[in-house]
Amino acid sequence: MKYIDYKEHRQHGTFHFPIAYYRENPRTPRYLMQYHWHPEYEIIRIISGTFQLTVNNSPVLCRENDIIFLSDGFLHGGVPHNCFYDGIIFDFPFLLKDNHACAKTIQDIVDHKYIIRTRISDYSPHVLPIVTDMCAALASRQTGYEFLVQGYLYQLLGVILAERLYDENSDTVASSARLNSMKAVLALISESYADSLTLDRLAAAAGMNPKYFCRYFHNMTGRTPIDYLNYYRIECACEMLATRSITVKEAAFSCGYNDESYFIKTFHKYKGVTPKQYMTAQFQSLRTPV
């Protein structure tokens, strides 16, 4: 399975403990966050640098010590700049299990009656230390860390509710429909990026005419549909070159490029290096401690 998937299907954590933790830096394969969504919730902690994030249709410039909270189904992605950041992805309904005291409130959040604010660190000084401790527990994986992590999640939820770090859901049916249309396009790109995808086909997946679709897609992602398709293909090629024993020509064909020279030119446009230079840099990073 690709690292890059507009709707992530991979399991986060384990069946009995569906909470996953990751740390990203400029050397890690998943450093650049592709525009995607998943059914789990996510918390991002910015350790250093900046991160130009887009959540649904809203840009969010994240800086050191910012804590970002992403509800399930939110389209998100962006470009980090010299950034180190932590991510926690978790199954919110998992917290419902055998907890009758908190079940109703958590269910209201799951049902989107309340939408937790995106950059919650802006509204409370209590958020950052809780998330920092949660990340430390997940990174250490010491005996009993599962209890600590669930405790921190409940503590964070308590702060969110006590300090009203949420808004009542005011999404219109129209805006939800547009986001669902965008998800359909992203799913098509994810599943068929190696095929010949035309603007008309992408617009049809969104249920829009091509002209309106181009404008809407650009507002959401900052790129035209075809530019984003090529960008996505090159990111998939990077994942292949970094994790598989594969030639440049094979990567090109696997990502929808029949002309190796054009692939190399396009790769350089988006990454600033040739595929071979990228492979060399990845090999050297594996040999050098982070």
Protein backbone atom coordinates (compact mmCIF):
# COMPACT_ATOMS: atom_id res chain seq x y z
CA MET A 1 0.00 0.00 0.00
CA LYS A 2 1.22 3.51 -0.79
CA TYR A 3 2.15 5.86 2.01
CA ILE A 4 0.18 8.50 0.15
CA ASP A 5 -3.54 7.87 0.13
CA TYR A 6 -6.20 10.58 0.02
CA LYS A 7 -8.40 8.40 2.21
CA GLU A 8 -6.08 6.53 4.48
CA HIS A 9 -7.17 2.92 4.86
CA ARG A 10 -4.33 1.68 7.05
CA GLN A 11 -4.90 0.83 10.69
CA HIS A 12 -3.61 3.37 13.19
CA GLY A 13 -2.29 1.70 16.30
CA THR A 14 -3.59 -1.76 17.11
CA PHE A 15 -7.06 -3.30 17.33
CA HIS A 16 -7.06 -3.04 21.14
CA PHE A 17 -5.22 0.31 21.26
CA PRO A 18 -6.15 2.32 18.13
CA ILE A 19 -3.90 5.29 18.89
CA ALA A 20 -0.88 5.86 16.65
CA TYR A 21 2.04 8.26 17.07
CA TYR A 22 4.52 9.56 14.54
CA ARG A 23 7.26 12.19 14.43
CA GLU A 24 8.17 13.86 11.15
CA ASN A 25 11.19 15.89 10.09
CA PRO A 26 12.70 16.90 6.73
CA ARG A 27 14.34 13.47 6.38
CA THR A 28 11.29 11.27 6.90
CA PRO A 29 9.30 9.92 3.88
CA ARG A 30 5.95 11.31 5.07
CA TYR A 31 7.31 14.79 5.85
CA LEU A 32 5.25 16.53 3.16
CA MET A 33 1.61 16.08 4.12
CA GLN A 34 -0.51 15.32 1.07
CA TYR A 35 -4.08 16.53 1.00
CA HIS A 36 -6.06 13.64 2.47
CA TRP A 37 -8.60 12.60 5.06
CA HIS A 38 -9.28 9.67 7.38
CA PRO A 39 -12.08 8.54 9.68
CA GLU A 40 -9.92 8.96 12.79
CA TYR A 41 -9.18 12.15 14.71
CA GLU A 42 -5.71 13.68 14.69
CA ILE A 43 -3.64 15.96 16.89
CA ILE A 44 -0.54 17.69 15.50
CA ARG A 45 2.11 19.34 17.70
CA ILE A 46 4.55 21.74 16.02
CA ILE A 47 7.94 21.29 17.69
CA SER A 48 9.89 23.77 15.55
CA GLY A 49 9.68 25.55 12.20
CA THR A 50 6.43 26.41 10.45
CA PHE A 51 3.72 24.45 8.70
CA GLN A 52 1.37 25.94 6.11
CA LEU A 53 -1.64 23.70 6.67
CA THR A 54 -4.98 23.73 4.89
CA VAL A 55 -7.97 22.27 6.74
CA ASN A 56 -11.06 21.81 4.58
CA ASN A 57 -11.05 25.18 2.83
CA SER A 58 -9.18 27.21 5.44
CA PRO A 59 -5.43 28.00 5.55
CA VAL A 60 -3.76 27.67 8.94
CA LEU A 61 -0.17 28.86 9.42
CA CYS A 62 1.23 26.76 12.26
CA ARG A 63 4.26 27.73 14.32
CA GLU A 64 6.33 26.32 17.18
CA ASN A 65 4.20 25.08 20.11
CA ASP A 66 0.94 25.18 18.13
CA ILE A 67 -1.47 22.29 18.74
CA ILE A 68 -3.79 21.40 15.86
CA PHE A 69 -6.92 19.32 16.38
CA LEU A 70 -8.48 17.67 13.32
CA SER A 71 -11.89 16.04 13.47
CA ASP A 72 -12.70 12.91 11.51
CA GLY A 73 -13.35 13.39 7.83
CA PHE A 74 -11.57 16.75 7.65
CA LEU A 75 -9.63 17.27 4.43
CA HIS A 76 -6.16 18.41 5.40
CA GLY A 77 -2.65 18.71 4.09
CA GLY A 78 0.12 21.21 3.70
CA VAL A 79 3.76 22.10 3.38
CA PRO A 80 6.14 22.16 6.37
CA HIS A 81 9.13 24.51 6.35
CA ASN A 82 12.17 23.30 8.31
CA CYS A 83 9.58 21.77 10.58
CA PHE A 84 9.68 19.02 13.18
CA TYR A 85 6.22 17.90 14.23
CA ASP A 86 4.41 15.15 16.13
CA GLY A 87 1.17 13.52 15.09
CA ILE A 88 -1.32 11.46 17.08
CA ILE A 89 -4.10 9.66 15.21
CA PHE A 90 -6.80 8.00 17.29
CA ASP A 91 -10.20 6.40 17.16
CA PHE A 92 -12.47 8.73 19.14
CA PRO A 93 -15.33 6.19 19.56
CA PHE A 94 -12.77 3.92 21.21
CA LEU A 95 -13.03 6.23 24.22
CA LEU A 96 -16.74 5.34 24.49
CA LYS A 97 -15.97 1.77 25.44
CA ASP A 98 -17.16 0.93 28.96
CA ASN A 99 -17.33 4.61 29.95
CA HIS A 100 -20.94 5.46 30.67
CA ALA A 101 -20.12 8.72 32.49
CA CYS A 102 -18.60 10.36 29.41
CA ALA A 103 -20.33 8.43 26.64
CA LYS A 104 -23.03 11.00 25.82
CA THR A 105 -20.62 13.93 25.54
CA ILE A 106 -18.15 11.99 23.43
CA GLN A 107 -20.98 10.78 21.21
CA ASP A 108 -22.08 14.39 20.65
CA ILE A 109 -18.54 15.16 19.41
CA VAL A 110 -18.51 12.05 17.23
CA ASP A 111 -21.89 13.08 15.79
CA HIS A 112 -20.41 16.51 14.99
CA LYS A 113 -22.84 18.40 17.19
CA TYR A 114 -19.71 20.13 18.47
CA ILE A 115 -16.67 20.87 16.29
CA ILE A 116 -13.46 21.25 18.26
CA ARG A 117 -11.50 24.29 17.09
CA THR A 118 -8.54 23.65 14.84
CA ARG A 119 -5.67 25.47 16.54
CA ILE A 120 -6.80 24.84 20.10
CA SER A 121 -3.52 26.08 21.59
CA ASP A 122 -4.63 29.62 20.67
CA TYR A 123 -7.43 29.45 23.23
CA SER A 124 -5.93 27.76 26.28
CA PRO A 125 -2.49 27.55 27.94
CA HIS A 126 -3.38 24.09 29.29
CA VAL A 127 -3.43 22.34 25.90
CA LEU A 128 0.30 22.33 25.04
CA PRO A 129 1.61 20.62 28.23
CA ILE A 130 -1.05 17.90 28.01
CA VAL A 131 -0.25 17.07 24.39
CA THR A 132 3.50 17.28 25.05
CA ASP A 133 3.18 14.73 27.85
CA MET A 134 0.99 12.53 25.66
CA CYS A 135 3.61 12.55 22.89
CA ALA A 136 6.36 11.70 25.38
CA ALA A 137 4.37 8.72 26.66
CA LEU A 138 3.69 7.47 23.13
CA ALA A 139 7.34 7.89 22.14
CA SER A 140 8.66 6.03 25.20
CA ARG A 141 6.21 3.11 25.04
CA GLN A 142 7.19 2.24 28.59
CA THR A 143 5.13 -0.28 30.50
CA GLY A 144 1.74 1.26 31.25
CA TYR A 145 1.97 3.99 28.62
CA GLU A 146 -1.46 3.02 27.27
CA PHE A 147 -3.04 4.12 30.56
CA LEU A 148 -1.15 7.41 30.49
CA VAL A 149 -2.13 8.16 26.90
CA GLN A 150 -5.83 7.52 27.48
CA GLY A 151 -5.63 9.63 30.62
CA TYR A 152 -4.09 12.53 28.71
CA LEU A 153 -6.79 12.24 26.03
CA TYR A 154 -9.51 12.46 28.66
CA GLN A 155 -7.68 15.35 30.34
CA LEU A 156 -7.47 17.18 27.02
CA LEU A 157 -11.14 16.55 26.33
CA GLY A 158 -11.98 17.88 29.80
CA VAL A 159 -10.10 21.12 29.08
CA ILE A 160 -11.79 21.44 25.68
CA LEU A 161 -15.23 21.10 27.25
CA ALA A 162 -14.55 23.19 30.37
CA GLU A 163 -13.04 26.07 28.38
CA ARG A 164 -15.45 25.69 25.45
CA LEU A 165 -12.76 25.19 22.82
CA TYR A 166 -15.40 24.15 20.32
CA ASP A 167 -18.16 25.57 18.13
CA GLU A 168 -21.61 24.25 17.49
CA ASN A 169 -21.84 22.70 14.05
CA SER A 170 -23.03 25.29 11.55
CA ASP A 171 -22.00 23.58 8.29
CA THR A 172 -24.60 23.93 5.57
CA VAL A 173 -25.73 21.03 3.44
CA ALA A 174 -24.19 22.75 0.40
CA SER A 175 -20.73 23.08 1.95
CA SER A 176 -20.80 19.44 3.06
CA ALA A 177 -21.78 18.38 -0.44
CA ARG A 178 -18.86 20.32 -1.94
CA LEU A 179 -16.42 18.68 0.46
CA ASN A 180 -17.82 15.27 -0.43
CA SER A 181 -17.34 16.13 -4.11
CA MET A 182 -13.73 17.00 -3.38
CA LYS A 183 -13.24 13.69 -1.59
CA ALA A 184 -14.59 11.87 -4.65
CA VAL A 185 -11.99 13.59 -6.84
CA LEU A 186 -9.17 12.83 -4.42
CA ALA A 187 -10.26 9.20 -4.26
CA LEU A 188 -10.18 9.00 -8.07
CA ILE A 189 -6.66 10.46 -8.16
CA SER A 190 -5.50 8.08 -5.45
CA GLU A 191 -6.90 5.03 -7.22
CA SER A 192 -6.11 5.97 -10.84
CA TYR A 193 -3.14 8.34 -10.78
CA ALA A 194 -1.19 5.99 -13.09
CA ASP A 195 -3.95 6.21 -15.71
CA SER A 196 -4.69 8.99 -18.17
CA LEU A 197 -6.79 11.35 -16.06
CA THR A 198 -8.21 14.33 -17.94
CA LEU A 199 -9.66 17.53 -16.55
CA ASP A 200 -13.10 16.51 -17.82
CA ARG A 201 -12.92 13.20 -15.99
CA LEU A 202 -11.87 14.87 -12.73
CA ALA A 203 -14.60 17.48 -13.05
CA ALA A 204 -17.18 14.75 -13.72
CA ALA A 205 -16.15 12.97 -10.51
CA ALA A 206 -16.88 16.21 -8.64
CA GLY A 207 -20.16 16.72 -10.44
CA MET A 208 -19.05 20.18 -11.64
CA ASN A 209 -18.34 21.80 -14.96
CA PRO A 210 -14.60 22.02 -15.71
CA LYS A 211 -14.34 25.80 -15.36
CA TYR A 212 -16.02 25.93 -11.94
CA PHE A 213 -14.19 22.80 -10.84
CA CYS A 214 -10.78 24.33 -11.65
CA ARG A 215 -11.59 27.39 -9.56
CA TYR A 216 -12.95 25.37 -6.65
CA PHE A 217 -10.05 22.90 -6.68
CA HIS A 218 -7.51 25.72 -6.75
CA ASN A 219 -9.20 27.40 -3.79
CA MET A 220 -9.02 24.16 -1.83
CA THR A 221 -5.47 23.09 -2.64
CA GLY A 222 -3.65 26.08 -4.07
CA ARG A 223 -3.03 24.16 -7.31
CA THR A 224 -4.88 23.49 -10.55
CA PRO A 225 -6.28 19.94 -10.86
CA ILE A 226 -3.68 18.84 -13.43
CA ASP A 227 -0.82 20.47 -11.53
CA TYR A 228 -1.96 18.65 -8.40
CA LEU A 229 -2.23 15.36 -10.27
CA ASN A 230 1.37 15.69 -11.45
CA TYR A 231 2.47 16.74 -7.97
CA TYR A 232 0.75 13.68 -6.52
CA ARG A 233 2.35 11.39 -9.09
CA ILE A 234 5.82 12.71 -8.23
CA GLU A 235 5.18 12.23 -4.51
CA CYS A 236 4.16 8.63 -5.23
CA ALA A 237 7.34 8.21 -7.24
CA CYS A 238 9.37 9.54 -4.30
CA GLU A 239 7.78 6.95 -2.02
CA MET A 240 8.60 4.20 -4.52
CA LEU A 241 12.21 5.31 -4.99
CA ALA A 242 12.73 5.64 -1.23
CA THR A 243 11.19 2.32 -0.16
CA ARG A 244 11.53 -0.14 -3.06
CA SER A 245 14.25 -1.60 -5.22
CA ILE A 246 13.06 0.09 -8.38
CA THR A 247 14.64 1.91 -11.31
CA VAL A 248 13.81 5.46 -12.39
CA LYS A 249 12.18 4.13 -15.56
CA GLU A 250 10.02 1.69 -13.59
CA ALA A 251 8.95 4.45 -11.19
CA ALA A 252 8.07 6.67 -14.15
CA PHE A 253 5.86 4.04 -15.79
CA SER A 254 4.25 3.11 -12.46
CA CYS A 255 3.22 6.73 -11.92
CA GLY A 256 1.69 7.35 -15.33
CA TYR A 257 4.65 8.70 -17.29
CA ASN A 258 5.44 6.91 -20.56
CA ASP A 259 8.34 9.25 -21.33
CA GLU A 260 11.24 8.85 -18.87
CA SER A 261 12.82 12.17 -19.91
CA TYR A 262 9.58 14.04 -19.26
CA PHE A 263 9.27 12.26 -15.90
CA ILE A 264 12.78 13.38 -14.90
CA LYS A 265 11.98 16.96 -15.95
CA THR A 266 8.72 16.94 -14.00
CA PHE A 267 10.39 15.35 -10.98
CA HIS A 268 13.01 18.11 -10.94
CA LYS A 269 10.29 20.75 -11.22
CA TYR A 270 8.60 19.61 -8.02
CA LYS A 271 11.52 18.29 -5.97
CA GLY A 272 14.42 20.46 -7.14
CA VAL A 273 16.59 17.39 -7.79
CA THR A 274 16.65 14.54 -10.28
CA PRO A 275 15.26 11.12 -9.31
CA LYS A 276 18.79 9.70 -9.00
CA GLN A 277 19.87 12.59 -6.78
CA TYR A 278 16.78 12.01 -4.65
CA MET A 279 17.61 8.31 -4.30
CA THR A 280 21.19 9.13 -3.28
CA ALA A 281 19.99 11.61 -0.64
CA GLN A 282 17.54 9.06 0.77
CA PHE A 283 20.26 6.42 0.99
CA GLN A 284 22.56 8.82 2.80
CA SER A 285 19.82 9.81 5.27
CA LEU A 286 19.33 6.16 6.20
CA ARG A 287 23.02 5.92 7.05
CA THR A 288 23.03 9.15 9.07
CA PRO A 289 21.34 9.28 12.50
CA VAL A 290 18.55 11.85 12.77
